[in-house]
Amino acid sequence: MPSRERKEAYFKRMTEMLDTYSKILVVHADHVGSQQFHQIRQSLRGTAEVLMGKNTLMRKVVMTFVKEREGHVVENLLPCLKGNVGLIFTNNDFAEVRKVVDDNRVPAAARANVVAECDVVVPPGPTGCDPGQTSWFQALNVPTKISRGQIEIVSELKLITKGKKVSQSEAALLQKLNIKPFTYGLVLQEVYDSGKVFSAAVLDITDEDLEKKFLTALRRLAALGLSLGLPSIATVPHSIGNALKRMIAVAAASGYSFEQMAEWDALLNMDPEELAKLQAAAGAGGGEGGAGEEKQEEAEEEEEVDIGGGDLFGDDDDGY
């Protein structure tokens, strides 16, 4: 197919994808071979589509698309189209696509002048190399000894540091030891969702992380409101709880009783022997399933709330 016809077909295909899909993953594609691309496309079939191409061509398609549809939000994708990148179009959950991409990484040997994606540690033990190759190890300061006619590494050695380039000697040594420390595949860089562009790091955020952040903010809001004396939805439960505890304390001292303090009144007037048995049972329950410890922790938290919400900030020591 002539070059012009290929470009026209590419224009048409990418334009259709921009019309069809609202979510795009921008991926870095260094060291990814054609066979690996084929496997990724096959794994994503029915879920997403992978599109590779020259940056200039992809940028031109996007600019033409925006020009024909004035003000279209896909214009925000343009700054991401630089370097050796590709696009994965989908309307499904990003997590599904990301899992497929991560599952299709392949082990690879270290190559000279390639930036290391992780630390590389050479384990101790026999290498299978004859004593005549000792110079390889000496050049890299690898501690060795001769054992049973072969070179043996004496202790574990960190050979390559993450983020640094692999030297020719390091790559040759790892090849001799048949160590493939790296994995190559598509690397997620940015996430485009209906006009908004985020770093791919947002995909690492789980529901548990969001819940934890929300609860931390809620505790701080409640503590601030209690300290300033400003009632809000966050402070009302604590204010009611603190007021009830004060009422129970006053009632216990004055001999007055009311319905809500019946349980506390029973504990305060319990026979010492029965109370000791109750404590022993609680301790035994804590040893079996941790229930006693949980009750004790809950009691401690309630007591701490009673002094003005000081513990509402959680365990943070950040000075707030």
Protein backbone atom coordinates (compact mmCIF):
# COMPACT_ATOMS: atom_id res chain seq x y z
CA MET A 1 0.00 0.00 0.00
CA PRO A 2 1.46 3.42 -0.95
CA SER A 3 2.52 5.74 1.86
CA ARG A 4 -0.32 8.22 1.20
CA GLU A 5 -2.96 5.50 1.37
CA ARG A 6 -1.48 4.14 4.60
CA LYS A 7 -1.65 7.59 6.16
CA GLU A 8 -5.26 8.05 5.05
CA ALA A 9 -6.18 4.67 6.52
CA TYR A 10 -4.40 5.58 9.76
CA PHE A 11 -6.23 8.93 9.89
CA LYS A 12 -9.56 7.20 9.44
CA ARG A 13 -8.86 4.51 12.04
CA MET A 14 -7.63 6.89 14.74
CA THR A 15 -10.49 9.32 14.11
CA GLU A 16 -13.00 6.48 14.55
CA MET A 17 -11.29 5.50 17.81
CA LEU A 18 -11.43 9.06 19.13
CA ASP A 19 -15.14 9.11 18.33
CA THR A 20 -15.79 5.68 19.87
CA TYR A 21 -13.74 5.68 23.06
CA SER A 22 -13.71 8.14 25.97
CA LYS A 23 -10.76 6.59 27.85
CA ILE A 24 -7.16 6.42 26.65
CA LEU A 25 -3.99 5.05 28.24
CA VAL A 26 -0.74 6.61 27.04
CA VAL A 27 1.97 3.94 27.15
CA HIS A 28 5.73 3.99 26.66
CA ALA A 29 6.85 1.27 24.25
CA ASP A 30 10.65 1.00 24.45
CA HIS A 31 12.13 -2.50 23.99
CA VAL A 32 8.73 -4.01 23.08
CA GLY A 33 8.95 -6.39 20.12
CA SER A 34 6.36 -7.12 17.44
CA GLN A 35 5.52 -10.54 18.86
CA GLN A 36 4.90 -9.01 22.27
CA PHE A 37 2.63 -6.38 20.69
CA HIS A 38 0.70 -9.18 19.00
CA GLN A 39 0.19 -10.95 22.34
CA ILE A 40 -0.95 -7.73 24.03
CA ARG A 41 -3.43 -6.95 21.24
CA GLN A 42 -4.75 -10.49 21.38
CA SER A 43 -5.19 -10.33 25.18
CA LEU A 44 -7.01 -6.99 24.93
CA ARG A 45 -9.34 -8.10 22.14
CA GLY A 46 -12.91 -7.13 23.03
CA THR A 47 -11.70 -4.89 25.87
CA ALA A 48 -9.44 -2.29 24.30
CA GLU A 49 -7.52 -1.41 21.12
CA VAL A 50 -3.84 -0.59 20.84
CA LEU A 51 -2.70 2.06 18.37
CA MET A 52 0.93 2.86 17.63
CA GLY A 53 2.31 5.43 15.23
CA LYS A 54 4.59 8.40 14.73
CA ASN A 55 4.06 11.29 17.14
CA THR A 56 3.71 13.80 14.32
CA LEU A 57 1.01 11.72 12.68
CA MET A 58 -0.92 11.16 15.92
CA ARG A 59 -0.71 14.84 16.81
CA LYS A 60 -1.96 15.82 13.35
CA VAL A 61 -4.94 13.48 13.67
CA VAL A 62 -5.84 14.94 17.07
CA MET A 63 -5.49 18.54 15.85
CA THR A 64 -7.62 17.81 12.78
CA PHE A 65 -10.19 16.07 14.98
CA VAL A 66 -10.36 19.10 17.32
CA LYS A 67 -10.55 21.52 14.38
CA GLU A 68 -13.55 19.68 12.95
CA ARG A 69 -15.17 19.52 16.41
CA GLU A 70 -14.31 22.90 17.86
CA GLY A 71 -13.55 22.85 21.58
CA HIS A 72 -13.36 19.06 21.88
CA VAL A 73 -11.65 18.01 25.12
CA VAL A 74 -9.35 15.49 23.38
CA GLU A 75 -7.07 18.46 22.73
CA ASN A 76 -5.76 17.90 26.29
CA LEU A 77 -4.11 14.72 25.01
CA LEU A 78 -1.63 16.58 22.77
CA PRO A 79 1.07 17.25 25.44
CA CYS A 80 1.25 13.49 26.12
CA LEU A 81 2.17 12.61 22.54
CA LYS A 82 5.95 12.81 22.81
CA GLY A 83 8.62 10.14 22.84
CA ASN A 84 8.12 6.51 21.89
CA VAL A 85 4.49 6.28 23.00
CA GLY A 86 1.35 4.46 21.94
CA LEU A 87 -2.34 4.73 22.79
CA ILE A 88 -4.70 2.14 24.25
CA PHE A 89 -8.35 3.05 23.67
CA THR A 90 -11.07 1.60 25.90
CA ASN A 91 -14.47 2.24 27.47
CA ASN A 92 -13.94 -0.34 30.21
CA ASP A 93 -12.34 -0.04 33.63
CA PHE A 94 -8.71 1.09 33.50
CA ALA A 95 -7.79 -1.59 36.04
CA GLU A 96 -8.76 -4.38 33.62
CA VAL A 97 -6.59 -2.98 30.85
CA ARG A 98 -3.70 -2.31 33.20
CA LYS A 99 -3.77 -5.91 34.45
CA VAL A 100 -3.51 -7.24 30.90
CA VAL A 101 -0.60 -4.90 30.14
CA ASP A 102 1.24 -5.90 33.34
CA ASP A 103 0.65 -9.60 32.69
CA ASN A 104 2.29 -9.32 29.27
CA ARG A 105 5.72 -8.25 30.44
CA VAL A 106 8.54 -10.57 29.38
CA PRO A 107 11.91 -11.23 31.11
CA ALA A 108 14.89 -9.69 29.36
CA ALA A 109 18.65 -9.66 29.72
CA ALA A 110 20.45 -6.50 30.74
CA ARG A 111 21.83 -4.59 27.78
CA ALA A 112 24.59 -2.00 27.76
CA ASN A 113 23.53 1.67 28.05
CA VAL A 114 19.98 0.72 29.08
CA VAL A 115 18.63 2.47 32.18
CA ALA A 116 18.05 -0.13 34.91
CA GLU A 117 14.41 -0.44 35.93
CA CYS A 118 15.33 -2.09 39.25
CA ASP A 119 18.29 -2.93 41.47
CA VAL A 120 20.21 -6.01 40.31
CA VAL A 121 21.75 -8.25 42.97
CA VAL A 122 24.10 -11.12 42.11
CA PRO A 123 23.48 -14.05 44.49
CA PRO A 124 26.31 -16.06 46.07
CA GLY A 125 27.12 -19.53 44.82
CA PRO A 126 28.86 -21.37 41.95
CA THR A 127 28.87 -19.60 38.59
CA GLY A 128 29.87 -22.41 36.24
CA CYS A 129 32.70 -20.22 34.91
CA ASP A 130 36.25 -21.61 34.75
CA PRO A 131 39.07 -19.89 36.73
CA GLY A 132 40.39 -18.27 33.56
CA GLN A 133 37.45 -15.86 33.59
CA THR A 134 38.27 -14.43 37.00
CA SER A 135 39.14 -11.05 35.43
CA TRP A 136 35.45 -10.45 34.62
CA PHE A 137 34.57 -10.62 38.29
CA GLN A 138 37.63 -8.71 39.51
CA ALA A 139 36.85 -5.80 37.18
CA LEU A 140 33.45 -5.43 38.87
CA ASN A 141 34.74 -6.04 42.41
CA VAL A 142 32.70 -9.23 42.78
CA PRO A 143 34.07 -11.28 45.74
CA THR A 144 34.95 -14.74 44.44
CA LYS A 145 36.96 -17.86 45.19
CA ILE A 146 37.94 -20.96 43.25
CA SER A 147 36.00 -24.02 44.35
CA ARG A 148 35.97 -27.42 42.61
CA GLY A 149 37.46 -26.05 39.44
CA GLN A 150 35.05 -23.18 38.96
CA ILE A 151 34.54 -19.62 40.15
CA GLU A 152 32.21 -19.22 43.11
CA ILE A 153 30.75 -15.93 44.31
CA VAL A 154 31.41 -15.62 48.03
CA SER A 155 28.71 -13.16 49.09
CA GLU A 156 25.70 -11.34 47.67
CA LEU A 157 26.58 -8.22 45.69
CA LYS A 158 24.46 -5.32 44.46
CA LEU A 159 25.72 -4.99 40.90
CA ILE A 160 23.40 -2.40 39.33
CA THR A 161 21.40 0.43 40.90
CA LYS A 162 17.93 1.34 39.70
CA GLY A 163 17.89 4.39 37.42
CA LYS A 164 21.52 4.10 36.34
CA LYS A 165 22.78 2.92 32.96
CA VAL A 166 24.04 -0.62 32.60
CA SER A 167 27.72 -0.77 31.62
CA GLN A 168 29.16 -3.13 29.02
CA SER A 169 30.98 -5.16 31.70
CA GLU A 170 27.88 -5.50 33.88
CA ALA A 171 25.78 -6.64 30.94
CA ALA A 172 28.44 -9.19 29.89
CA LEU A 173 28.73 -10.59 33.41
CA LEU A 174 24.97 -11.01 33.79
CA GLN A 175 24.87 -12.72 30.43
CA LYS A 176 27.60 -15.15 31.54
CA LEU A 177 25.62 -15.91 34.69
CA ASN A 178 22.42 -16.31 32.64
CA ILE A 179 20.63 -13.71 34.77
CA LYS A 180 17.73 -11.82 33.17
CA PRO A 181 17.00 -9.12 35.74
CA PHE A 182 14.63 -6.90 33.78
CA THR A 183 11.16 -7.26 32.29
CA TYR A 184 10.07 -5.34 29.25
CA GLY A 185 6.57 -4.34 28.26
CA LEU A 186 4.30 -1.35 27.79
CA VAL A 187 4.75 1.19 30.59
CA LEU A 188 1.71 3.28 31.56
CA GLN A 189 2.48 6.99 31.65
CA GLU A 190 -0.72 9.04 31.52
CA VAL A 191 -4.43 8.36 31.76
CA TYR A 192 -6.98 10.30 29.68
CA ASP A 193 -10.60 10.14 30.80
CA SER A 194 -13.25 12.31 29.11
CA GLY A 195 -10.92 15.28 28.71
CA LYS A 196 -9.01 14.98 31.98
CA VAL A 197 -5.38 13.79 31.97
CA PHE A 198 -3.83 12.18 35.05
CA SER A 199 -0.58 10.47 35.88
CA ALA A 200 -0.81 6.67 35.71
CA ALA A 201 0.03 6.67 39.43
CA VAL A 202 -3.66 7.36 40.16
CA LEU A 203 -4.38 3.75 39.18
CA ASP A 204 -2.46 2.65 42.29
CA ILE A 205 -5.01 4.35 44.56
CA THR A 206 -7.45 1.81 46.03
CA ASP A 207 -10.84 2.23 47.70
CA GLU A 208 -9.13 1.49 51.03
CA ASP A 209 -6.72 4.41 50.46
CA LEU A 210 -9.61 6.79 49.73
CA GLU A 211 -11.52 5.57 52.79
CA LYS A 212 -8.48 6.06 55.01
CA LYS A 213 -7.90 9.62 53.72
CA PHE A 214 -11.58 10.48 54.17
CA LEU A 215 -11.67 9.21 57.75
CA THR A 216 -8.47 11.09 58.59
CA ALA A 217 -9.94 14.32 57.24
CA LEU A 218 -13.21 13.68 59.12
CA ARG A 219 -11.33 13.16 62.41
CA ARG A 220 -9.41 16.39 61.91
CA LEU A 221 -12.59 18.30 61.08
CA ALA A 222 -14.32 16.95 64.19
CA ALA A 223 -11.31 17.76 66.41
CA LEU A 224 -11.12 21.31 65.04
CA GLY A 225 -14.84 21.84 65.61
CA LEU A 226 -14.65 20.52 69.19
CA SER A 227 -11.63 22.70 69.97
CA LEU A 228 -13.29 25.86 68.63
CA GLY A 229 -16.73 25.02 69.99
CA LEU A 230 -18.30 25.05 66.53
CA PRO A 231 -20.95 22.30 66.19
CA SER A 232 -21.18 20.39 62.90
CA ILE A 233 -22.29 17.01 61.60
CA ALA A 234 -18.77 15.71 62.35
CA THR A 235 -18.77 16.93 65.98
CA VAL A 236 -22.34 16.09 67.03
CA PRO A 237 -21.73 12.34 67.75
CA HIS A 238 -18.67 13.18 69.86
CA SER A 239 -20.46 16.01 71.70
CA ILE A 240 -23.39 13.75 72.55
CA GLY A 241 -21.04 10.96 73.66
CA ASN A 242 -19.00 13.31 75.84
CA ALA A 243 -22.16 14.81 77.38
CA LEU A 244 -23.51 11.34 78.19
CA LYS A 245 -20.24 10.36 79.89
CA ARG A 246 -20.31 13.51 82.02
CA MET A 247 -23.89 12.82 82.99
CA ILE A 248 -22.98 9.27 84.00
CA ALA A 249 -20.06 10.57 86.09
CA VAL A 250 -22.25 13.15 87.85
CA ALA A 251 -25.03 10.60 88.42
CA ALA A 252 -22.60 8.05 89.84
CA ALA A 253 -21.24 10.63 92.29
CA SER A 254 -24.67 11.90 93.37
CA GLY A 255 -26.48 8.57 93.51
CA TYR A 256 -28.90 9.57 90.74
CA SER A 257 -29.70 7.05 88.02
CA PHE A 258 -31.32 7.15 84.58
CA GLU A 259 -32.04 4.63 81.83
CA GLN A 260 -28.95 5.20 79.67
CA MET A 261 -26.56 4.55 82.58
CA ALA A 262 -28.11 1.22 83.61
CA GLU A 263 -25.21 -0.80 82.19
CA TRP A 264 -22.60 1.45 83.79
CA ASP A 265 -24.51 1.41 87.08
CA ALA A 266 -24.44 -2.39 87.05
CA LEU A 267 -20.66 -2.37 86.55
CA LEU A 268 -20.09 0.20 89.29
CA ASN A 269 -22.16 -1.82 91.77
CA MET A 270 -20.90 -5.24 90.73
CA ASP A 271 -19.47 -7.58 93.35
CA PRO A 272 -15.61 -7.50 93.26
CA GLU A 273 -15.43 -11.27 92.73
CA GLU A 274 -17.84 -11.11 89.78
CA LEU A 275 -15.91 -8.17 88.35
CA ALA A 276 -12.64 -10.16 88.64
CA LYS A 277 -14.27 -13.11 86.81
CA LEU A 278 -15.53 -10.77 84.11
CA GLN A 279 -12.04 -9.32 83.63
CA ALA A 280 -10.52 -12.82 83.51
CA ALA A 281 -13.08 -13.91 80.90
CA ALA A 282 -12.36 -10.79 78.86
CA GLY A 283 -8.62 -11.53 79.03
CA ALA A 284 -9.17 -15.12 77.90
CA GLY A 285 -11.35 -13.95 75.03
CA GLY A 286 -8.63 -11.54 73.97
CA GLY A 287 -6.11 -14.40 73.88
CA GLU A 288 -8.36 -16.51 71.65
CA GLY A 289 -9.65 -14.03 69.17
CA GLY A 290 -8.47 -10.58 70.17
CA ALA A 291 -11.99 -9.51 71.26
CA GLY A 292 -10.80 -8.45 74.70
CA GLU A 293 -8.06 -6.28 73.24
CA GLU A 294 -10.50 -4.70 70.80
CA LYS A 295 -12.90 -3.83 73.63
CA GLN A 296 -10.03 -2.37 75.65
CA GLU A 297 -8.86 -0.31 72.67
CA GLU A 298 -12.42 0.94 72.10
CA ALA A 299 -12.67 1.92 75.77
CA GLU A 300 -9.36 3.77 75.56
CA GLU A 301 -10.46 5.61 72.43
CA GLU A 302 -13.72 6.67 74.15
CA GLU A 303 -11.78 7.95 77.17
CA GLU A 304 -9.46 9.95 74.93
CA VAL A 305 -12.40 11.54 73.11
CA ASP A 306 -13.68 12.67 76.50
CA ILE A 307 -10.82 15.15 76.89
CA GLY A 308 -11.88 17.27 73.95
CA GLY A 309 -11.31 15.16 70.87
CA GLY A 310 -7.53 15.09 71.12
CA ASP A 311 -7.30 11.66 69.48
CA LEU A 312 -9.51 12.65 66.57
CA PHE A 313 -6.38 13.51 64.61
CA GLY A 314 -5.42 9.81 64.63
CA ASP A 315 -1.82 8.74 65.02
CA ASP A 316 -0.41 11.45 62.77
CA ASP A 317 2.51 13.44 64.12
CA ASP A 318 2.42 16.02 61.37
CA GLY A 319 1.73 18.97 63.63
CA TYR A 320 -1.90 19.61 62.63
